[in-house]
Amino acid sequence: MTTEPTKLRCNLLRLLYLIMAAGLAITVWPSVLIHDVMQVHSLTGVQSMLAAMGALAVIGLWFPLQMLLLLVFEVFWKLIFLLSFALPLVLNGQPDAASWENIWACLIAMVFIPIIPWRYWISSLKQQQAD
């Protein structure tokens, strides 16, 4: 198995979890806790999922390596959004202000890519498969 990431890398991971938890606490949790929604729709489902990700990110502050899958999920879903939806919109010159807001929010998460210890994560998956 690949050696564990350095203490610096683990602390950088903690910083990513903190950014994720704080960002979602500021942007999502208020609408989850205080709302006047009288029906369930796709936005309420998205808000709930994002709130859960923020809560799980708090666990990553104490267990940065065990919660790597959360960061991987964060990168993957935003990368899929950027490539499948945002890029065609931008190439066609059609994004409005709300679209740009979402695009920038997803682009910011791309800084996670070089911080995630990919070799360690893949090695951990292989080791778990062997067990």
Protein backbone atom coordinates (compact mmCIF):
# COMPACT_ATOMS: atom_id res chain seq x y z
CA MET A 1 0.00 0.00 0.00
CA THR A 2 1.17 3.54 -0.72
CA THR A 3 2.47 5.35 2.33
CA GLU A 4 0.10 7.72 4.04
CA PRO A 5 0.11 11.34 2.92
CA THR A 6 2.32 13.75 4.81
CA LYS A 7 1.07 15.79 7.74
CA LEU A 8 1.10 18.86 5.47
CA ARG A 9 -1.12 17.10 2.92
CA CYS A 10 -3.52 15.99 5.67
CA ASN A 11 -3.70 19.56 6.95
CA LEU A 12 -4.40 20.81 3.41
CA LEU A 13 -7.19 18.23 3.22
CA ARG A 14 -8.56 19.59 6.48
CA LEU A 15 -8.52 23.05 4.93
CA LEU A 16 -10.57 21.73 1.98
CA TYR A 17 -13.09 20.16 4.36
CA LEU A 18 -13.28 23.44 6.29
CA ILE A 19 -13.85 25.45 3.10
CA MET A 20 -16.52 22.99 2.02
CA ALA A 21 -18.27 22.91 5.42
CA ALA A 22 -18.14 26.68 5.90
CA GLY A 23 -19.24 27.46 2.36
CA LEU A 24 -22.21 25.13 2.58
CA ALA A 25 -23.06 26.35 6.09
CA ILE A 26 -23.25 29.91 4.76
CA THR A 27 -24.99 29.24 1.46
CA VAL A 28 -27.18 26.16 2.01
CA TRP A 29 -27.94 25.57 5.68
CA PRO A 30 -29.94 28.80 6.21
CA SER A 31 -32.46 27.76 3.55
CA VAL A 32 -32.60 24.23 4.97
CA LEU A 33 -33.30 25.42 8.49
CA ILE A 34 -35.61 28.36 7.73
CA HIS A 35 -37.91 28.12 4.73
CA ASP A 36 -41.48 28.41 3.62
CA VAL A 37 -41.46 25.57 1.12
CA MET A 38 -44.80 23.85 1.08
CA GLN A 39 -43.91 21.24 -1.51
CA VAL A 40 -40.95 19.08 -2.36
CA HIS A 41 -39.20 19.75 -5.66
CA SER A 42 -35.77 19.21 -7.19
CA LEU A 43 -34.24 22.26 -5.50
CA THR A 44 -35.19 21.00 -2.03
CA GLY A 45 -33.54 17.68 -2.85
CA VAL A 46 -30.37 19.41 -4.02
CA GLN A 47 -30.35 21.63 -0.92
CA SER A 48 -30.70 18.57 1.31
CA MET A 49 -27.86 16.73 -0.46
CA LEU A 50 -25.57 19.76 -0.22
CA ALA A 51 -26.41 20.21 3.47
CA ALA A 52 -25.50 16.57 4.09
CA MET A 53 -22.20 17.06 2.26
CA GLY A 54 -21.45 20.08 4.44
CA ALA A 55 -22.20 18.11 7.59
CA LEU A 56 -19.99 15.23 6.42
CA ALA A 57 -17.20 17.68 5.60
CA VAL A 58 -17.08 18.55 9.31
CA ILE A 59 -16.18 14.90 10.00
CA GLY A 60 -13.33 15.31 7.50
CA LEU A 61 -11.72 17.86 9.81
CA TRP A 62 -10.96 15.00 12.23
CA PHE A 63 -10.67 12.13 9.75
CA PRO A 64 -9.25 13.63 6.55
CA LEU A 65 -8.13 10.37 4.94
CA GLN A 66 -11.22 8.37 5.83
CA MET A 67 -13.46 11.04 4.28
CA LEU A 68 -11.55 11.31 0.98
CA LEU A 69 -14.48 9.89 -0.96
CA LEU A 70 -16.44 13.05 -0.10
CA LEU A 71 -13.80 15.25 -1.76
CA VAL A 72 -13.60 12.88 -4.73
CA PHE A 73 -17.39 13.05 -5.10
CA GLU A 74 -17.23 16.86 -4.89
CA VAL A 75 -14.64 17.01 -7.68
CA PHE A 76 -16.41 14.46 -9.89
CA TRP A 77 -19.90 15.98 -9.79
CA LYS A 78 -18.57 19.47 -10.41
CA LEU A 79 -16.30 18.28 -13.21
CA ILE A 80 -19.25 16.51 -14.86
CA PHE A 81 -21.34 19.69 -14.53
CA LEU A 82 -18.56 21.82 -16.02
CA LEU A 83 -17.88 19.52 -18.97
CA SER A 84 -21.43 18.45 -19.76
CA PHE A 85 -23.44 21.60 -19.08
CA ALA A 86 -21.29 24.67 -18.48
CA LEU A 87 -18.76 24.22 -21.30
CA PRO A 88 -21.36 23.91 -24.08
CA LEU A 89 -23.21 26.91 -22.66
CA VAL A 90 -20.02 29.00 -22.57
CA LEU A 91 -18.93 27.87 -26.05
CA ASN A 92 -22.30 28.99 -27.41
CA GLY A 93 -22.01 32.31 -25.58
CA GLN A 94 -25.26 31.76 -23.70
CA PRO A 95 -24.53 31.81 -19.95
CA ASP A 96 -26.48 34.35 -17.93
CA ALA A 97 -25.44 35.78 -14.54
CA ALA A 98 -26.93 32.88 -12.58
CA SER A 99 -25.14 30.37 -14.81
CA TRP A 100 -21.83 32.17 -14.31
CA GLU A 101 -22.36 32.06 -10.55
CA ASN A 102 -22.74 28.26 -10.70
CA ILE A 103 -19.84 27.88 -13.11
CA TRP A 104 -17.46 29.84 -10.85
CA ALA A 105 -18.60 27.89 -7.78
CA CYS A 106 -17.73 24.66 -9.58
CA LEU A 107 -14.46 25.97 -11.00
CA ILE A 108 -13.23 26.90 -7.53
CA ALA A 109 -13.53 23.26 -6.47
CA MET A 110 -11.00 22.29 -9.13
CA VAL A 111 -8.26 23.45 -6.75
CA PHE A 112 -9.09 20.27 -4.81
CA ILE A 113 -7.61 18.11 -7.60
CA PRO A 114 -3.88 18.57 -6.84
CA ILE A 115 -4.46 18.37 -3.06
CA ILE A 116 -6.33 15.05 -3.03
CA PRO A 117 -3.81 12.20 -2.59
CA TRP A 118 -5.05 10.20 -5.58
CA ARG A 119 -2.45 7.41 -5.41
CA TYR A 120 -3.17 6.87 -1.74
CA TRP A 121 -6.94 6.82 -2.35
CA ILE A 122 -6.72 4.33 -5.24
CA SER A 123 -4.26 2.19 -3.28
CA SER A 124 -6.68 2.19 -0.32
CA LEU A 125 -9.50 1.04 -2.59
CA LYS A 126 -7.36 -1.78 -3.97
CA GLN A 127 -6.35 -2.81 -0.46
CA GLN A 128 -9.96 -2.88 0.70
CA GLN A 129 -10.87 -4.98 -2.33
CA ALA A 130 -8.11 -7.45 -1.47
CA ASP A 131 -9.34 -7.72 2.14
